[in-house]
Protein backbone atom coordinates (compact mmCIF):
# COMPACT_ATOMS: atom_id res chain seq x y z
CA MET A 1 0.00 0.00 0.00
CA GLN A 2 2.81 2.44 0.86
CA THR A 3 4.48 1.74 -2.51
CA MET A 4 1.21 2.41 -4.35
CA LYS A 5 0.72 5.69 -2.44
CA TRP A 6 4.26 6.85 -3.30
CA ILE A 7 3.70 6.08 -7.00
CA GLU A 8 0.43 8.02 -6.94
CA MET A 9 2.11 11.09 -5.37
CA VAL A 10 4.84 11.07 -8.05
CA ARG A 11 2.22 10.89 -10.79
CA LEU A 12 0.18 13.77 -9.38
CA GLY A 13 3.22 16.11 -9.37
CA PRO A 14 3.17 19.50 -7.52
CA THR A 15 0.98 20.15 -4.55
CA PRO A 16 -2.35 21.94 -5.16
CA GLU A 17 -1.06 25.19 -3.58
CA ARG A 18 1.94 25.40 -5.90
CA SER A 19 -0.15 24.54 -8.93
CA SER A 20 -2.62 27.28 -8.05
CA THR A 21 0.16 29.87 -7.84
CA PHE A 22 1.56 28.76 -11.19
CA ASP A 23 -1.85 29.02 -12.84
CA ASN A 24 -2.36 32.51 -11.46
CA ASP A 25 0.99 33.60 -12.89
CA LYS A 26 -0.04 32.26 -16.27
CA VAL A 27 -3.34 34.16 -16.18
CA LEU A 28 -1.61 37.43 -15.27
CA SER A 29 1.00 37.10 -17.98
CA MET A 30 -1.63 36.45 -20.62
CA SER A 31 -3.92 39.36 -19.71
CA ASP A 32 -2.49 41.67 -22.39
CA GLU A 33 -2.71 38.95 -25.02
CA LEU A 34 -6.31 38.26 -24.06
CA ARG A 35 -7.20 41.93 -24.23
CA ARG A 36 -5.72 42.28 -27.70
CA ALA A 37 -7.38 39.08 -28.84
CA LEU A 38 -10.75 40.54 -27.94
CA TYR A 39 -10.06 43.43 -30.31
CA SER A 40 -8.43 41.42 -33.08
CA SER A 41 -9.98 40.88 -36.49
CA SER A 42 -11.15 37.44 -35.43
CA ALA A 43 -13.35 38.90 -32.71
CA SER A 44 -17.03 39.55 -33.23
CA VAL A 45 -18.15 42.76 -34.92
CA ASP A 46 -19.67 44.06 -31.69
CA MET A 47 -16.43 43.60 -29.79
CA GLU A 48 -14.24 44.98 -32.57
CA PHE A 49 -16.07 48.27 -32.92
CA SER A 50 -17.07 48.86 -29.29
CA PRO A 51 -15.06 51.88 -28.08
CA PRO A 52 -13.33 51.53 -24.71
CA ASP A 53 -14.13 53.83 -21.81
CA LEU A 54 -12.87 57.42 -21.77
CA ILE A 55 -10.83 58.76 -18.88
CA GLY A 56 -11.82 62.40 -19.13
CA THR A 57 -14.54 64.21 -21.05
CA SER A 58 -14.38 65.00 -24.75
CA GLU A 59 -15.95 68.11 -26.23
CA ILE A 60 -15.43 66.75 -29.75
CA PHE A 61 -15.92 62.99 -29.98
CA THR A 62 -19.30 61.43 -30.58
CA MET A 63 -19.87 57.70 -30.29
CA GLU A 64 -19.74 57.46 -34.09
CA HIS A 65 -16.33 59.15 -34.16
CA ARG A 66 -14.95 56.74 -31.59
CA GLU A 67 -16.38 53.67 -33.30
CA LYS A 68 -14.85 54.62 -36.64
CA LEU A 69 -11.46 55.41 -35.13
CA CYS A 70 -11.41 52.14 -33.16
CA SER A 71 -11.60 50.26 -36.45
CA VAL A 72 -8.27 51.71 -37.69
CA LEU A 73 -6.18 51.84 -34.50
CA PRO A 74 -2.84 50.01 -34.62
CA ALA A 75 -2.30 46.96 -32.41
CA ARG A 76 -0.47 48.99 -29.77
CA ALA A 77 -3.60 51.07 -29.14
CA GLN A 78 -6.31 48.42 -29.40
CA GLY A 79 -8.20 47.45 -26.28
CA TYR A 80 -6.85 50.24 -24.09
CA MET A 81 -8.83 53.00 -22.42
CA TRP A 82 -8.51 56.48 -23.90
CA SER A 83 -7.11 59.03 -21.45
CA LEU A 84 -7.31 62.77 -22.02
CA ALA A 85 -3.75 64.14 -21.80
CA PHE A 86 -4.34 67.64 -23.17
CA SER A 87 -7.25 69.88 -24.04
CA THR A 88 -7.22 73.51 -25.14
CA SER A 89 -10.34 74.07 -23.02
CA GLN A 90 -8.60 72.85 -19.86
CA HIS A 91 -4.93 73.66 -20.45
CA GLY A 92 -5.04 76.65 -22.78
CA PHE A 93 -4.14 77.37 -26.40
CA SER A 94 -0.42 76.81 -26.06
CA LEU A 95 1.91 74.43 -27.86
CA ALA A 96 4.34 74.65 -24.92
CA SER A 97 1.59 73.48 -22.54
CA MET A 98 0.84 70.55 -24.81
CA TYR A 99 4.52 69.54 -24.85
CA ARG A 100 4.59 69.63 -21.03
CA LYS A 101 1.56 67.36 -20.81
CA MET A 102 3.27 64.87 -23.13
CA GLN A 103 6.49 64.49 -21.15
CA ARG A 104 5.48 61.23 -19.45
CA VAL A 105 3.40 59.76 -22.27
CA ASP A 106 4.56 56.36 -23.49
CA SER A 107 1.88 55.38 -26.00
CA PRO A 108 0.50 56.45 -29.37
CA VAL A 109 -1.32 59.80 -29.30
CA LEU A 110 -4.68 60.56 -30.87
CA LEU A 111 -4.82 64.27 -31.74
CA VAL A 112 -8.27 65.55 -32.72
CA ILE A 113 -9.26 69.05 -33.82
CA GLN A 114 -12.59 70.77 -34.29
CA ASP A 115 -12.26 73.99 -36.29
CA THR A 116 -14.54 77.01 -36.30
CA ASP A 117 -16.48 75.49 -39.23
CA ASN A 118 -17.13 72.42 -37.03
CA ASN A 119 -14.98 70.10 -39.15
CA VAL A 120 -13.51 67.22 -37.12
CA PHE A 121 -10.13 65.80 -38.14
CA GLY A 122 -6.73 64.91 -36.76
CA ALA A 123 -3.90 62.42 -36.58
CA LEU A 124 -2.79 59.30 -34.78
CA THR A 125 0.92 59.50 -33.99
CA SER A 126 3.14 56.63 -32.91
CA CYS A 127 4.57 58.51 -29.93
CA ALA A 128 4.25 61.59 -27.77
CA LEU A 129 4.56 65.02 -29.38
CA ARG A 130 7.72 66.96 -28.47
CA PRO A 131 10.03 69.61 -29.92
CA SER A 132 12.82 68.26 -32.12
CA GLU A 133 15.22 69.52 -34.76
CA HIS A 134 14.52 66.46 -36.88
CA PHE A 135 11.47 64.48 -37.94
CA TYR A 136 10.55 61.56 -35.70
CA GLY A 137 7.85 58.88 -35.41
CA THR A 138 7.10 55.67 -37.29
CA GLY A 139 4.75 54.37 -39.97
CA GLU A 140 2.37 53.30 -37.21
CA SER A 141 0.51 56.57 -37.74
CA LEU A 142 -2.25 58.07 -39.87
CA LEU A 143 -4.35 61.13 -40.68
CA PHE A 144 -8.15 61.11 -40.51
CA SER A 145 -11.13 63.29 -41.29
CA PHE A 146 -14.88 63.21 -40.83
CA GLN A 147 -15.94 64.95 -44.03
CA ARG A 148 -19.35 66.48 -44.66
CA VAL A 149 -21.32 64.72 -47.38
CA ASP A 150 -24.84 66.10 -47.03
CA GLU A 151 -26.71 69.38 -46.89
CA PRO A 152 -28.43 70.44 -43.66
CA ARG A 153 -32.09 69.56 -43.28
CA SER A 154 -34.59 72.35 -43.87
CA ARG A 155 -36.99 73.20 -41.06
CA VAL A 156 -40.75 73.01 -41.50
CA PRO A 157 -42.21 76.54 -41.73
CA SER A 158 -44.28 77.73 -38.80
CA ASP A 159 -48.08 77.74 -39.14
CA LYS A 160 -48.39 81.11 -37.44
CA SER A 161 -50.60 83.70 -39.14
CA ASP A 162 -49.19 86.94 -40.54
CA GLY A 163 -50.76 89.05 -37.82
CA ALA A 164 -48.97 91.65 -35.69
CA LYS A 165 -45.98 90.30 -33.77
CA ASP A 166 -46.06 90.96 -30.06
CA LYS A 167 -43.12 90.51 -27.66
CA ASP A 168 -43.89 86.83 -27.07
CA ASP A 169 -43.85 86.18 -30.82
CA LEU A 170 -40.47 87.88 -31.16
CA ASP A 171 -39.02 85.89 -28.25
CA GLU A 172 -40.34 82.69 -29.76
CA LYS A 173 -38.81 83.62 -33.12
CA LYS A 174 -35.42 84.14 -31.45
CA ASP A 175 -35.68 80.72 -29.81
CA GLU A 176 -36.58 79.17 -33.16
CA ASN A 177 -33.58 80.80 -34.82
CA LYS A 178 -31.32 79.50 -32.05
CA ASP A 179 -32.74 75.99 -32.39
CA GLU A 180 -32.37 76.19 -36.16
CA LYS A 181 -28.67 77.03 -35.89
CA GLU A 182 -28.09 74.17 -33.44
CA GLU A 183 -30.02 71.75 -35.64
CA THR A 184 -28.14 72.87 -38.75
CA VAL A 185 -24.80 72.04 -37.13
CA ALA A 186 -26.01 68.64 -35.96
CA ALA A 187 -27.79 67.80 -39.22
CA PHE A 188 -24.69 67.37 -41.38
CA LYS A 189 -23.80 63.80 -42.20
CA THR A 190 -20.13 62.88 -42.31
CA LYS A 191 -17.99 60.35 -44.10
CA PHE A 192 -14.98 58.93 -42.28
CA LYS A 193 -11.71 58.84 -44.23
CA TYR A 194 -8.19 58.00 -43.14
CA TRP A 195 -4.78 57.83 -44.77
CA GLY A 196 -1.93 55.62 -43.61
CA TRP A 197 1.77 55.94 -44.33
CA THR A 198 2.62 55.77 -48.04
CA GLY A 199 6.25 54.77 -47.45
CA ASP A 200 7.48 57.60 -49.71
CA ASN A 201 9.22 59.52 -46.90
CA MET A 202 9.56 59.48 -43.10
CA TYR A 203 8.42 63.03 -42.31
CA PHE A 204 6.00 61.97 -39.58
CA ILE A 205 6.32 64.64 -36.86
CA ARG A 206 8.45 67.72 -36.38
CA GLY A 207 7.92 70.23 -33.61
CA SER A 208 9.47 73.45 -32.39
CA ASN A 209 8.44 76.08 -29.86
CA ASP A 210 6.75 78.01 -32.67
CA ASN A 211 4.86 75.30 -34.57
CA ILE A 212 4.33 71.60 -35.12
CA SER A 213 3.71 69.63 -38.31
CA ILE A 214 2.47 66.11 -38.94
CA GLY A 215 3.20 64.70 -42.40
CA ALA A 216 5.20 66.67 -44.96
CA GLY A 217 6.72 66.76 -48.42
CA ASP A 218 7.42 69.32 -51.15
CA GLY A 219 6.87 72.19 -48.70
CA LYS A 220 3.38 71.05 -47.76
CA PHE A 221 2.03 69.61 -44.52
CA GLY A 222 -0.72 67.16 -43.63
CA ILE A 223 -1.40 69.17 -40.47
CA TRP A 224 0.45 72.32 -39.41
CA LEU A 225 -0.33 74.27 -36.21
CA ASP A 226 1.17 77.48 -34.86
CA GLY A 227 2.58 77.98 -31.37
CA ASP A 228 -0.74 79.32 -30.05
CA LEU A 229 -2.70 76.31 -31.37
CA TYR A 230 -4.94 78.87 -33.04
CA LEU A 231 -4.05 78.98 -36.74
CA GLY A 232 -3.66 75.80 -38.74
CA ARG A 233 -3.18 74.51 -42.27
CA THR A 234 -3.88 71.19 -43.96
CA GLN A 235 -2.61 70.16 -47.40
CA ARG A 236 -1.90 67.10 -49.48
CA CYS A 237 1.38 65.65 -48.29
CA THR A 238 3.71 62.92 -49.52
CA THR A 239 3.92 61.12 -46.16
CA TYR A 240 0.27 60.08 -46.18
CA GLY A 241 -1.00 60.86 -49.70
CA ASN A 242 -4.00 62.51 -48.08
CA GLU A 243 -6.59 64.98 -49.22
CA PRO A 244 -6.85 68.27 -47.28
CA LEU A 245 -8.59 67.30 -44.05
CA THR A 246 -11.00 70.24 -43.90
CA THR A 247 -13.18 72.28 -46.22
CA ARG A 248 -10.59 75.08 -46.10
CA GLU A 249 -6.82 74.76 -46.38
CA ASP A 250 -6.30 77.37 -43.66
CA PHE A 251 -8.41 76.90 -40.55
CA ILE A 252 -8.88 78.26 -37.04
CA VAL A 253 -8.83 75.84 -34.12
CA LYS A 254 -11.96 75.84 -31.99
CA ILE A 255 -11.02 72.89 -29.74
CA MET A 256 -8.07 70.52 -29.75
CA GLU A 257 -7.64 67.38 -27.66
CA CYS A 258 -4.87 64.80 -27.29
CA TRP A 259 -5.74 61.31 -26.09
CA THR A 260 -3.37 58.57 -24.96
CA PHE A 261 -3.91 54.83 -24.46
CA ILE A 262 -3.48 53.27 -21.01
């Protein structure tokens, strides 16, 4: 009987406590792989396009924006929460302030801009934005734009008679005009477009204290911003082979946000 018991112990191997610890180590080491697997192309459509939680509040992104962008994120950004690192509303219109907020960032950066014409566009960069005498970054980057493709809906005329307008009628008319403006902005449909690296050059990012550019070639820039994050320009550039990202080549920044992945 003792011989049989000794043989059985040898066959069973490690004690249950040791086995449990080993299994836990395996689970912890595979957590990143599991997270990325959930967002891989083999995952279901619902999982693939479900945006992660936001750490911070966006004044630009809608759910549609986030869903579209999730579908083109590189592997290093898939499955991670989006954390707001910089916002012009919170930290001011200053390129120097943005650089300071990027000092400890160790992930790709999603830069999104809304201009005064309410166009939404931006770039995904492979690393934090910083001043440099030379271009930096990798091909794990892209430009994107949500382009308008439809005219605003027309409002149904009011059934009010053409009688004299008292103060209440005038106040109501003002409210209608305000609602009409808000509805006009929201009524535009958009088409999502993005442009990845063409491989023709490596002019991904270059920043100074006075300006920053993303994508370049032949004296043109995919996105160019001044030191006050106020004036900007977008053009066709060799790095990404993109179209201009807005309805106007020169634009004025209304809001700008930078999101990181943690």
